[in-house]
Amino acid sequence: MSNKSIKVQRKESILVELLNEAFSTLNDSRINSLTVLEVVCSRGASDAKVYLEKSLLTKDEQKEALKLLRKANGLISKYCLESTGWYKVPKFTYTFDELFEKENKMEELFNKIKK
């Protein structure tokens, strides 16, 4: 089991759902279709790292999306506050998830070794 408290784990799972909803309400098609894969909160839950799916985006589109998300962060935070009734939400840091690509590369290596 993880060292995180149940409260932090619960907050992370709620934020995954809320952030996906918040993104879908934005008017910019470059970011409203992004998918949140995971949210990892800091120990005190004052900061949160948001991992996004990048499978359909080029490097330039990823950079642009991150820039747009930073600009829209106030609206996203406001949406989360209004939806939950929390006193405050964590400060969001957005990044694209590299794990899927790493897993695919490892799988390819294992297949080569197997042959």
N, C-alpha and C. Protein backbone atom coordinates (compact mmCIF):
# COMPACT_ATOMS: atom_id res chain seq x y z
N MET A 1 0.84 -1.20 0.00
CA MET A 1 0.00 0.00 0.00
C MET A 1 0.87 1.24 0.00
N SER A 2 0.38 2.27 -0.56
CA SER A 2 1.09 3.54 -0.67
C SER A 2 1.24 4.20 0.70
N ASN A 3 2.25 5.05 0.81
CA ASN A 3 2.47 5.79 2.05
C ASN A 3 1.54 7.00 2.18
N LYS A 4 0.80 7.30 1.14
CA LYS A 4 -0.09 8.45 1.16
C LYS A 4 -1.31 8.15 2.02
N SER A 5 -1.80 9.19 2.64
CA SER A 5 -3.01 9.03 3.44
C SER A 5 -4.22 8.83 2.52
N ILE A 6 -5.23 8.25 3.08
CA ILE A 6 -6.47 8.02 2.33
C ILE A 6 -7.04 9.35 1.85
N LYS A 7 -6.91 10.37 2.68
CA LYS A 7 -7.43 11.69 2.34
C LYS A 7 -6.76 12.24 1.07
N VAL A 8 -5.43 12.11 0.99
CA VAL A 8 -4.70 12.61 -0.18
C VAL A 8 -5.04 11.78 -1.41
N GLN A 9 -5.14 10.46 -1.25
CA GLN A 9 -5.50 9.60 -2.37
C GLN A 9 -6.88 9.94 -2.90
N ARG A 10 -7.79 10.22 -2.00
CA ARG A 10 -9.16 10.58 -2.39
C ARG A 10 -9.16 11.91 -3.14
N LYS A 11 -8.38 12.87 -2.63
CA LYS A 11 -8.30 14.18 -3.29
C LYS A 11 -7.73 14.02 -4.70
N GLU A 12 -6.73 13.18 -4.86
CA GLU A 12 -6.13 12.95 -6.18
C GLU A 12 -7.16 12.37 -7.15
N SER A 13 -7.92 11.39 -6.71
CA SER A 13 -8.90 10.79 -7.61
C SER A 13 -10.02 11.77 -7.97
N ILE A 14 -10.42 12.59 -7.02
CA ILE A 14 -11.43 13.61 -7.31
C ILE A 14 -10.89 14.62 -8.31
N LEU A 15 -9.63 15.01 -8.13
CA LEU A 15 -9.03 16.00 -9.04
C LEU A 15 -8.91 15.46 -10.47
N VAL A 16 -8.65 14.17 -10.64
CA VAL A 16 -8.59 13.60 -11.99
C VAL A 16 -9.92 13.82 -12.69
N GLU A 17 -11.00 13.51 -12.02
CA GLU A 17 -12.33 13.69 -12.61
C GLU A 17 -12.64 15.17 -12.86
N LEU A 18 -12.35 16.00 -11.87
CA LEU A 18 -12.67 17.43 -12.00
C LEU A 18 -11.86 18.11 -13.10
N LEU A 19 -10.59 17.77 -13.19
CA LEU A 19 -9.75 18.41 -14.21
C LEU A 19 -10.20 18.01 -15.61
N ASN A 20 -10.58 16.75 -15.79
CA ASN A 20 -11.11 16.35 -17.10
C ASN A 20 -12.38 17.12 -17.44
N GLU A 21 -13.24 17.31 -16.45
CA GLU A 21 -14.46 18.11 -16.66
C GLU A 21 -14.11 19.56 -16.95
N ALA A 22 -13.17 20.11 -16.19
CA ALA A 22 -12.78 21.51 -16.36
C ALA A 22 -12.20 21.75 -17.75
N PHE A 23 -11.35 20.82 -18.22
CA PHE A 23 -10.77 20.96 -19.55
C PHE A 23 -11.87 20.97 -20.62
N SER A 24 -12.88 20.13 -20.44
CA SER A 24 -13.93 20.03 -21.46
C SER A 24 -14.79 21.30 -21.53
N THR A 25 -14.77 22.10 -20.47
CA THR A 25 -15.56 23.34 -20.49
C THR A 25 -14.83 24.50 -21.16
N LEU A 26 -13.53 24.34 -21.40
CA LEU A 26 -12.75 25.41 -22.02
C LEU A 26 -13.09 25.53 -23.50
N ASN A 27 -13.01 26.74 -24.02
CA ASN A 27 -13.39 26.99 -25.41
C ASN A 27 -12.31 26.63 -26.42
N ASP A 28 -11.08 26.44 -25.98
CA ASP A 28 -9.97 26.18 -26.89
C ASP A 28 -9.88 24.68 -27.20
N SER A 29 -10.05 24.34 -28.47
CA SER A 29 -10.05 22.93 -28.87
C SER A 29 -8.68 22.27 -28.70
N ARG A 30 -7.63 23.06 -28.58
CA ARG A 30 -6.29 22.48 -28.39
C ARG A 30 -6.11 21.90 -27.00
N ILE A 31 -6.90 22.37 -26.04
CA ILE A 31 -6.75 21.84 -24.68
C ILE A 31 -8.01 21.20 -24.11
N ASN A 32 -9.17 21.46 -24.70
CA ASN A 32 -10.38 20.89 -24.09
C ASN A 32 -10.52 19.40 -24.35
N SER A 33 -9.69 18.84 -25.22
CA SER A 33 -9.76 17.40 -25.48
C SER A 33 -8.64 16.63 -24.77
N LEU A 34 -7.81 17.33 -24.00
CA LEU A 34 -6.74 16.65 -23.27
C LEU A 34 -7.32 15.75 -22.19
N THR A 35 -6.62 14.66 -21.91
CA THR A 35 -7.08 13.72 -20.91
C THR A 35 -6.10 13.66 -19.75
N VAL A 36 -6.61 13.82 -18.54
CA VAL A 36 -5.79 13.71 -17.33
C VAL A 36 -5.70 12.23 -16.97
N LEU A 37 -4.47 11.73 -16.90
CA LEU A 37 -4.26 10.32 -16.55
C LEU A 37 -4.11 10.13 -15.05
N GLU A 38 -3.42 11.07 -14.42
CA GLU A 38 -3.13 10.92 -13.00
C GLU A 38 -2.83 12.29 -12.40
N VAL A 39 -3.14 12.43 -11.12
CA VAL A 39 -2.78 13.62 -10.36
C VAL A 39 -2.03 13.13 -9.13
N VAL A 40 -0.86 13.72 -8.90
CA VAL A 40 -0.06 13.36 -7.73
C VAL A 40 0.09 14.60 -6.87
N CYS A 41 -0.50 14.56 -5.69
CA CYS A 41 -0.45 15.69 -4.76
C CYS A 41 0.78 15.59 -3.88
N SER A 42 1.29 16.74 -3.48
CA SER A 42 2.39 16.77 -2.52
C SER A 42 1.86 16.33 -1.16
N ARG A 43 2.75 16.18 -0.22
CA ARG A 43 2.38 15.66 1.09
C ARG A 43 1.24 16.47 1.74
N GLY A 44 1.33 17.76 1.69
CA GLY A 44 0.29 18.60 2.28
C GLY A 44 -0.83 18.93 1.32
N ALA A 45 -0.75 18.39 0.11
CA ALA A 45 -1.75 18.61 -0.94
C ALA A 45 -1.85 20.08 -1.36
N SER A 46 -0.75 20.83 -1.19
CA SER A 46 -0.77 22.22 -1.63
C SER A 46 -0.31 22.35 -3.09
N ASP A 47 0.39 21.34 -3.57
CA ASP A 47 0.83 21.29 -4.97
C ASP A 47 0.37 19.97 -5.58
N ALA A 48 0.10 20.00 -6.87
CA ALA A 48 -0.33 18.78 -7.56
C ALA A 48 0.29 18.73 -8.94
N LYS A 49 0.89 17.61 -9.27
CA LYS A 49 1.43 17.39 -10.60
C LYS A 49 0.38 16.65 -11.40
N VAL A 50 0.00 17.22 -12.53
CA VAL A 50 -1.06 16.67 -13.37
C VAL A 50 -0.42 16.03 -14.60
N TYR A 51 -0.62 14.72 -14.74
CA TYR A 51 -0.06 13.98 -15.87
C TYR A 51 -1.12 13.85 -16.96
N LEU A 52 -0.75 14.28 -18.17
CA LEU A 52 -1.68 14.31 -19.30
C LEU A 52 -1.28 13.28 -20.34
N GLU A 53 -2.26 12.78 -21.08
CA GLU A 53 -2.00 11.86 -22.18
C GLU A 53 -1.50 12.66 -23.38
N LYS A 54 -0.47 12.14 -24.03
CA LYS A 54 0.10 12.89 -25.15
C LYS A 54 0.11 12.11 -26.45
N SER A 55 -0.55 11.00 -26.51
CA SER A 55 -0.45 10.09 -27.64
C SER A 55 -0.77 10.72 -29.00
N LEU A 56 -1.62 11.69 -29.06
CA LEU A 56 -2.03 12.26 -30.35
C LEU A 56 -1.38 13.60 -30.66
N LEU A 57 -0.44 14.04 -29.81
CA LEU A 57 0.14 15.37 -29.98
C LEU A 57 1.61 15.31 -30.38
N THR A 58 2.01 16.25 -31.23
CA THR A 58 3.42 16.38 -31.56
C THR A 58 4.11 17.18 -30.45
N LYS A 59 5.42 17.26 -30.51
CA LYS A 59 6.18 18.02 -29.49
C LYS A 59 5.75 19.48 -29.46
N ASP A 60 5.58 20.08 -30.63
CA ASP A 60 5.16 21.49 -30.70
C ASP A 60 3.75 21.68 -30.13
N GLU A 61 2.86 20.76 -30.43
CA GLU A 61 1.50 20.84 -29.89
C GLU A 61 1.50 20.67 -28.37
N GLN A 62 2.40 19.82 -27.87
CA GLN A 62 2.51 19.64 -26.43
C GLN A 62 2.96 20.92 -25.74
N LYS A 63 3.96 21.57 -26.31
CA LYS A 63 4.45 22.83 -25.74
C LYS A 63 3.35 23.88 -25.74
N GLU A 64 2.63 23.97 -26.84
CA GLU A 64 1.54 24.94 -26.96
C GLU A 64 0.44 24.63 -25.94
N ALA A 65 0.12 23.36 -25.78
CA ALA A 65 -0.93 22.96 -24.83
C ALA A 65 -0.53 23.32 -23.40
N LEU A 66 0.73 23.09 -23.05
CA LEU A 66 1.20 23.43 -21.70
C LEU A 66 1.12 24.93 -21.46
N LYS A 67 1.47 25.70 -22.48
CA LYS A 67 1.40 27.16 -22.37
C LYS A 67 -0.05 27.61 -22.17
N LEU A 68 -0.95 27.03 -22.93
CA LEU A 68 -2.37 27.39 -22.82
C LEU A 68 -2.95 26.96 -21.46
N LEU A 69 -2.51 25.82 -20.96
CA LEU A 69 -2.99 25.36 -19.65
C LEU A 69 -2.52 26.29 -18.54
N ARG A 70 -1.29 26.77 -18.64
CA ARG A 70 -0.80 27.72 -17.63
C ARG A 70 -1.63 29.00 -17.65
N LYS A 71 -2.01 29.44 -18.86
CA LYS A 71 -2.85 30.65 -18.97
C LYS A 71 -4.25 30.42 -18.41
N ALA A 72 -4.77 29.20 -18.61
CA ALA A 72 -6.14 28.90 -18.18
C ALA A 72 -6.19 28.36 -16.75
N ASN A 73 -5.07 28.34 -16.06
CA ASN A 73 -5.00 27.74 -14.73
C ASN A 73 -5.98 28.38 -13.75
N GLY A 74 -6.18 29.69 -13.84
CA GLY A 74 -7.12 30.37 -12.95
C GLY A 74 -8.54 29.86 -13.14
N LEU A 75 -8.96 29.71 -14.40
CA LEU A 75 -10.30 29.20 -14.69
C LEU A 75 -10.46 27.75 -14.22
N ILE A 76 -9.41 26.97 -14.42
CA ILE A 76 -9.44 25.56 -14.02
C ILE A 76 -9.54 25.45 -12.50
N SER A 77 -8.74 26.23 -11.79
CA SER A 77 -8.78 26.22 -10.32
C SER A 77 -10.14 26.67 -9.81
N LYS A 78 -10.69 27.71 -10.44
CA LYS A 78 -12.01 28.21 -10.04
C LYS A 78 -13.08 27.14 -10.24
N TYR A 79 -13.01 26.42 -11.35
CA TYR A 79 -13.96 25.35 -11.61
C TYR A 79 -13.88 24.28 -10.52
N CYS A 80 -12.67 23.90 -10.15
CA CYS A 80 -12.47 22.88 -9.12
C CYS A 80 -12.99 23.36 -7.76
N LEU A 81 -12.74 24.62 -7.43
CA LEU A 81 -13.23 25.18 -6.16
C LEU A 81 -14.76 25.18 -6.11
N GLU A 82 -15.37 25.63 -7.18
CA GLU A 82 -16.83 25.71 -7.21
C GLU A 82 -17.47 24.32 -7.19
N SER A 83 -16.83 23.36 -7.81
CA SER A 83 -17.39 22.01 -7.87
C SER A 83 -17.28 21.25 -6.56
N THR A 84 -16.23 21.54 -5.80
CA THR A 84 -15.98 20.76 -4.58
C THR A 84 -16.41 21.48 -3.32
N GLY A 85 -16.34 22.80 -3.32
CA GLY A 85 -16.61 23.55 -2.11
C GLY A 85 -15.42 23.58 -1.16
N TRP A 86 -14.26 23.15 -1.66
CA TRP A 86 -13.05 23.17 -0.85
C TRP A 86 -12.64 24.62 -0.58
N TYR A 87 -11.84 24.79 0.46
CA TYR A 87 -11.32 26.11 0.80
C TYR A 87 -10.30 26.55 -0.23
N LYS A 88 -9.46 25.62 -0.68
CA LYS A 88 -8.48 25.93 -1.73
C LYS A 88 -8.16 24.65 -2.49
N VAL A 89 -7.63 24.84 -3.70
CA VAL A 89 -7.18 23.70 -4.50
C VAL A 89 -5.67 23.77 -4.60
N PRO A 90 -5.04 22.65 -4.90
CA PRO A 90 -3.57 22.67 -5.05
C PRO A 90 -3.13 23.53 -6.23
N LYS A 91 -1.89 23.94 -6.19
CA LYS A 91 -1.30 24.64 -7.34
C LYS A 91 -0.94 23.56 -8.36
N PHE A 92 -1.51 23.67 -9.55
CA PHE A 92 -1.33 22.64 -10.57
C PHE A 92 -0.08 22.88 -11.41
N THR A 93 0.65 21.79 -11.65
CA THR A 93 1.78 21.78 -12.56
C THR A 93 1.47 20.71 -13.60
N TYR A 94 1.48 21.08 -14.86
CA TYR A 94 1.08 20.16 -15.92
C TYR A 94 2.29 19.58 -16.61
N THR A 95 2.20 18.28 -16.93
CA THR A 95 3.25 17.61 -17.67
C THR A 95 2.64 16.46 -18.45
N PHE A 96 3.31 16.06 -19.51
CA PHE A 96 2.81 14.93 -20.28
C PHE A 96 3.45 13.65 -19.78
N ASP A 97 2.66 12.59 -19.73
CA ASP A 97 3.09 11.31 -19.18
C ASP A 97 4.01 10.58 -20.16
N GLU A 98 5.18 10.21 -19.69
CA GLU A 98 6.16 9.50 -20.51
C GLU A 98 6.13 8.00 -20.26
N LEU A 99 5.40 7.56 -19.27
CA LEU A 99 5.42 6.16 -18.85
C LEU A 99 4.97 5.21 -19.95
N PHE A 100 3.94 5.57 -20.68
CA PHE A 100 3.42 4.69 -21.73
C PHE A 100 4.48 4.42 -22.79
N GLU A 101 5.20 5.46 -23.20
CA GLU A 101 6.25 5.30 -24.20
C GLU A 101 7.38 4.43 -23.66
N LYS A 102 7.75 4.64 -22.40
CA LYS A 102 8.81 3.84 -21.79
C LYS A 102 8.41 2.37 -21.72
N GLU A 103 7.15 2.11 -21.38
CA GLU A 103 6.67 0.73 -21.32
C GLU A 103 6.73 0.08 -22.71
N ASN A 104 6.36 0.83 -23.74
CA ASN A 104 6.41 0.28 -25.10
C ASN A 104 7.83 -0.04 -25.52
N LYS A 105 8.78 0.84 -25.19
CA LYS A 105 10.18 0.59 -25.53
C LYS A 105 10.71 -0.64 -24.81
N MET A 106 10.33 -0.77 -23.53
CA MET A 106 10.76 -1.95 -22.76
C MET A 106 10.17 -3.23 -23.38
N GLU A 107 8.92 -3.17 -23.78
CA GLU A 107 8.26 -4.32 -24.38
C GLU A 107 8.96 -4.72 -25.68
N GLU A 108 9.32 -3.71 -26.48
CA GLU A 108 10.04 -3.99 -27.72
C GLU A 108 11.39 -4.65 -27.44
N LEU A 109 12.09 -4.15 -26.43
CA LEU A 109 13.37 -4.74 -26.06
C LEU A 109 13.21 -6.20 -25.61
N PHE A 110 12.20 -6.45 -24.82
CA PHE A 110 11.96 -7.82 -24.36
C PHE A 110 11.63 -8.75 -25.53
N ASN A 111 10.87 -8.23 -26.50
CA ASN A 111 10.54 -9.03 -27.69
C ASN A 111 11.78 -9.33 -28.51
N LYS A 112 12.70 -8.36 -28.63
CA LYS A 112 13.95 -8.58 -29.35
C LYS A 112 14.82 -9.63 -28.64
N ILE A 113 14.86 -9.55 -27.33
CA ILE A 113 15.64 -10.51 -26.56
C ILE A 113 15.04 -11.90 -26.71
N LYS A 114 13.73 -11.97 -26.73
CA LYS A 114 13.03 -13.24 -26.84
C LYS A 114 13.36 -13.93 -28.16
N LYS A 115 13.48 -13.13 -29.22
CA LYS A 115 13.78 -13.69 -30.56
C LYS A 115 15.21 -14.16 -30.58
